[in-house]
C-alpha atoms as a PDB file:
ATOM      1  CA  MET A   1     -48.637 143.076  -7.880  1.00  0.00           C
ATOM      2  CA  ILE A   2     -46.127 143.073  -5.052  1.00  0.00           C
ATOM      3  CA  ASP A   3     -42.387 143.378  -5.579  1.00  0.00           C
ATOM      4  CA  SER A   4     -39.906 140.660  -4.694  1.00  0.00           C
ATOM      5  CA  THR A   5     -38.660 142.411  -1.552  1.00  0.00           C
ATOM      6  CA  THR A   6     -42.164 142.667  -0.131  1.00  0.00           C
ATOM      7  CA  ALA A   7     -42.967 139.090  -1.183  1.00  0.00           C
ATOM      8  CA  ALA A   8     -39.768 137.828   0.448  1.00  0.00           C
ATOM      9  CA  SER A   9     -40.588 139.725   3.635  1.00  0.00           C
ATOM     10  CA  ILE A  10     -44.092 138.271   3.784  1.00  0.00           C
ATOM     11  CA  PHE A  11     -42.730 134.789   3.021  1.00  0.00           C
ATOM     12  CA  SER A  12     -40.123 135.096   5.775  1.00  0.00           C
ATOM     13  CA  PHE A  13     -42.646 136.355   8.313  1.00  0.00           C
ATOM     14  CA  LEU A  14     -45.118 133.543   7.605  1.00  0.00           C
ATOM     15  CA  ALA A  15     -42.344 130.937   7.509  1.00  0.00           C
ATOM     16  CA  THR A  16     -41.237 132.173  10.929  1.00  0.00           C
ATOM     17  CA  VAL A  17     -44.779 131.745  12.247  1.00  0.00           C
ATOM     18  CA  VAL A  18     -44.844 128.165  10.930  1.00  0.00           C
ATOM     19  CA  MET A  19     -41.354 127.518  12.344  1.00  0.00           C
ATOM     20  CA  LEU A  20     -42.505 128.687  15.774  1.00  0.00           C
ATOM     21  CA  PHE A  21     -45.500 126.353  15.495  1.00  0.00           C
ATOM     22  CA  GLN A  22     -43.182 123.456  14.593  1.00  0.00           C
ATOM     23  CA  LEU A  23     -40.888 124.346  17.488  1.00  0.00           C
ATOM     24  CA  ALA A  24     -43.864 124.351  19.843  1.00  0.00           C
ATOM     25  CA  LEU A  25     -44.867 120.896  18.567  1.00  0.00           C
ATOM     26  CA  ALA A  26     -41.296 119.681  19.055  1.00  0.00           C
ATOM     27  CA  LEU A  27     -41.298 121.007  22.612  1.00  0.00           C
ATOM     28  CA  GLY A  28     -44.545 119.200  23.422  1.00  0.00           C
ATOM     29  CA  ALA A  29     -47.370 121.635  22.697  1.00  0.00           C
ATOM     30  CA  PRO A  30     -50.637 119.667  22.462  1.00  0.00           C
ATOM     31  CA  TRP A  31     -51.465 120.889  18.951  1.00  0.00           C
ATOM     32  CA  GLY A  32     -51.126 117.638  17.030  1.00  0.00           C
ATOM     33  CA  GLU A  33     -54.641 117.943  15.619  1.00  0.00           C
ATOM     34  CA  MET A  34     -53.452 120.979  13.631  1.00  0.00           C
ATOM     35  CA  ALA A  35     -50.595 119.148  11.911  1.00  0.00           C
ATOM     36  CA  MET A  36     -49.957 116.005   9.872  1.00  0.00           C
ATOM     37  CA  GLY A  37     -53.580 115.588   8.911  1.00  0.00           C
ATOM     38  CA  GLY A  38     -54.677 115.647  12.536  1.00  0.00           C
ATOM     39  CA  LYS A  39     -53.736 111.959  12.871  1.00  0.00           C
ATOM     40  CA  PHE A  40     -51.813 112.541  16.090  1.00  0.00           C
ATOM     41  CA  PRO A  41     -53.939 114.736  18.391  1.00  0.00           C
ATOM     42  CA  GLY A  42     -52.361 116.085  21.529  1.00  0.00           C
ATOM     43  CA  ARG A  43     -48.622 115.971  22.081  1.00  0.00           C
ATOM     44  CA  PHE A  44     -46.416 114.434  19.429  1.00  0.00           C
ATOM     45  CA  SER A  45     -44.397 111.322  20.188  1.00  0.00           C
ATOM     46  CA  PRO A  46     -40.598 111.740  20.372  1.00  0.00           C
ATOM     47  CA  LYS A  47     -40.301 110.533  16.760  1.00  0.00           C
ATOM     48  CA  LEU A  48     -42.852 113.086  15.543  1.00  0.00           C
ATOM     49  CA  ARG A  49     -41.147 115.811  17.562  1.00  0.00           C
ATOM     50  CA  ILE A  50     -37.979 115.131  15.584  1.00  0.00           C
ATOM     51  CA  SER A  51     -40.062 115.347  12.419  1.00  0.00           C
ATOM     52  CA  ALA A  52     -41.323 118.766  13.547  1.00  0.00           C
ATOM     53  CA  LEU A  53     -37.713 119.912  14.004  1.00  0.00           C
ATOM     54  CA  VAL A  54     -36.817 118.660  10.520  1.00  0.00           C
ATOM     55  CA  GLN A  55     -39.760 120.623   9.114  1.00  0.00           C
ATOM     56  CA  LEU A  56     -38.580 123.687  11.030  1.00  0.00           C
ATOM     57  CA  LEU A  57     -35.103 123.397   9.505  1.00  0.00           C
ATOM     58  CA  LEU A  58     -36.535 122.893   6.020  1.00  0.00           C
ATOM     59  CA  LEU A  59     -38.686 126.003   6.413  1.00  0.00           C
ATOM     60  CA  ALA A  60     -35.670 127.992   7.589  1.00  0.00           C
ATOM     61  CA  LEU A  61     -33.710 126.874   4.524  1.00  0.00           C
ATOM     62  CA  MET A  62     -36.628 127.764   2.255  1.00  0.00           C
ATOM     63  CA  ALA A  63     -36.920 131.231   3.794  1.00  0.00           C
ATOM     64  CA  LEU A  64     -33.181 131.747   3.377  1.00  0.00           C
ATOM     65  CA  ILE A  65     -33.387 130.786  -0.310  1.00  0.00           C
ATOM     66  CA  VAL A  66     -36.255 133.238  -0.815  1.00  0.00           C
ATOM     67  CA  LEU A  67     -34.281 136.024   0.888  1.00  0.00           C
ATOM     68  CA  ILE A  68     -31.219 135.260  -1.239  1.00  0.00           C
ATOM     69  CA  ARG A  69     -33.262 135.263  -4.456  1.00  0.00           C
ATOM     70  CA  ALA A  70     -34.843 138.591  -3.476  1.00  0.00           C
ATOM     71  CA  GLY A  71     -31.336 140.018  -3.111  1.00  0.00           C
ATOM     72  CA  LEU A  72     -31.691 140.699   0.603  1.00  0.00           C
ATOM     73  CA  VAL A  73     -28.916 138.442   1.951  1.00  0.00           C
ATOM     74  CA  PHE A  74     -25.846 136.533   0.746  1.00  0.00           C
ATOM     75  CA  SER A  75     -25.558 138.184  -2.667  1.00  0.00           C
ATOM     76  CA  GLU A  76     -22.740 135.783  -3.590  1.00  0.00           C
ATOM     77  CA  LEU A  77     -25.367 132.993  -3.773  1.00  0.00           C
ATOM     78  CA  PHE A  78     -27.771 134.944  -5.985  1.00  0.00           C
ATOM     79  CA  GLU A  79     -26.960 133.025  -9.189  1.00  0.00           C
ATOM     80  CA  LEU A  80     -27.476 129.675  -7.480  1.00  0.00           C
ATOM     81  CA  SER A  81     -30.767 130.907  -6.055  1.00  0.00           C
ATOM     82  CA  LYS A  82     -32.178 131.385  -9.561  1.00  0.00           C
ATOM     83  CA  SER A  83     -32.626 127.638  -9.916  1.00  0.00           C
ATOM     84  CA  VAL A  84     -32.984 126.590  -6.271  1.00  0.00           C
ATOM     85  CA  ILE A  85     -35.944 128.934  -5.752  1.00  0.00           C
ATOM     86  CA  TRP A  86     -38.050 126.622  -7.930  1.00  0.00           C
ATOM     87  CA  PHE A  87     -37.480 123.846  -5.374  1.00  0.00           C
ATOM     88  CA  VAL A  88     -39.000 126.197  -2.801  1.00  0.00           C
ATOM     89  CA  VAL A  89     -41.944 126.931  -5.097  1.00  0.00           C
ATOM     90  CA  ALA A  90     -42.536 123.204  -5.647  1.00  0.00           C
ATOM     91  CA  LEU A  91     -42.445 122.428  -1.914  1.00  0.00           C
ATOM     92  CA  CYS A  92     -44.828 125.290  -1.213  1.00  0.00           C
ATOM     93  CA  VAL A  93     -47.262 124.044  -3.862  1.00  0.00           C
ATOM     94  CA  VAL A  94     -47.202 120.525  -2.406  1.00  0.00           C
ATOM     95  CA  SER A  95     -47.684 121.936   1.087  1.00  0.00           C
ATOM     96  CA  ALA A  96     -50.609 124.103  -0.044  1.00  0.00           C
ATOM     97  CA  ILE A  97     -52.294 121.133  -1.708  1.00  0.00           C
ATOM     98  CA  LEU A  98     -51.830 118.901   1.332  1.00  0.00           C
ATOM     99  CA  ASN A  99     -53.057 121.586   3.724  1.00  0.00           C
ATOM    100  CA  THR A 100     -56.102 122.200   1.545  1.00  0.00           C
ATOM    101  CA  ILE A 101     -57.136 118.540   1.361  1.00  0.00           C
ATOM    102  CA  THR A 102     -56.224 117.515   4.905  1.00  0.00           C
ATOM    103  CA  PRO A 103     -58.975 115.733   6.841  1.00  0.00           C
ATOM    104  CA  SER A 104     -58.220 117.958   9.846  1.00  0.00           C
ATOM    105  CA  LYS A 105     -60.579 120.924   9.727  1.00  0.00           C
ATOM    106  CA  LYS A 106     -58.422 122.908  12.169  1.00  0.00           C
ATOM    107  CA  GLU A 107     -55.293 122.289  10.110  1.00  0.00           C
ATOM    108  CA  ARG A 108     -57.112 123.201   6.900  1.00  0.00           C
ATOM    109  CA  MET A 109     -58.548 126.421   8.356  1.00  0.00           C
ATOM    110  CA  LEU A 110     -55.253 127.509   9.898  1.00  0.00           C
ATOM    111  CA  TRP A 111     -52.618 126.467   7.373  1.00  0.00           C
ATOM    112  CA  SER A 112     -54.334 126.515   3.957  1.00  0.00           C
ATOM    113  CA  PRO A 113     -54.373 130.316   3.739  1.00  0.00           C
ATOM    114  CA  VAL A 114     -50.803 130.509   5.029  1.00  0.00           C
ATOM    115  CA  THR A 115     -49.449 127.979   2.536  1.00  0.00           C
ATOM    116  CA  ILE A 116     -51.324 129.567  -0.370  1.00  0.00           C
ATOM    117  CA  ILE A 117     -49.771 132.933   0.500  1.00  0.00           C
ATOM    118  CA  LEU A 118     -46.359 131.240   0.718  1.00  0.00           C
ATOM    119  CA  VAL A 119     -46.863 129.865  -2.815  1.00  0.00           C
ATOM    120  CA  ILE A 120     -47.793 133.296  -4.171  1.00  0.00           C
ATOM    121  CA  CYS A 121     -44.818 134.970  -2.491  1.00  0.00           C
ATOM    122  CA  ALA A 122     -42.393 132.270  -3.623  1.00  0.00           C
ATOM    123  CA  VAL A 123     -43.601 132.577  -7.234  1.00  0.00           C
ATOM    124  CA  VAL A 124     -43.273 136.370  -7.146  1.00  0.00           C
ATOM    125  CA  VAL A 125     -39.706 136.078  -5.878  1.00  0.00           C
ATOM    126  CA  ALA A 126     -38.854 133.289  -8.312  1.00  0.00           C
ATOM    127  CA  ARG A 127     -40.086 135.292 -11.311  1.00  0.00           C
ATOM    128  CA  SER A 128     -38.281 138.499 -10.316  1.00  0.00           C
END
């Protein structure tokens, strides 16, 4: 089993990859078929680009919570992180489920493994 520091590092790395993907979508990358169930192939509309930015910010917050809970940053927030980390776990589980059942084969192939690893890492950190 991996320790919480390693799990937090893996979580942060993968979250950064997903954040860069969301940023690319927000900036107009034509990768819509690999997000949101593949319902919006090509470039996202302005409204969906804002949604991609919101997802980016949520991922950044989740990664920060994981790093806090692992004791790597902002030690003064460690006690709060003991409960908030379970919000991260829940969001990761929902994300993993949605990415596993998405009708978009490309999204499923790309993001299912990533979100499953995020769940595992978040649980390891939460239970530490």
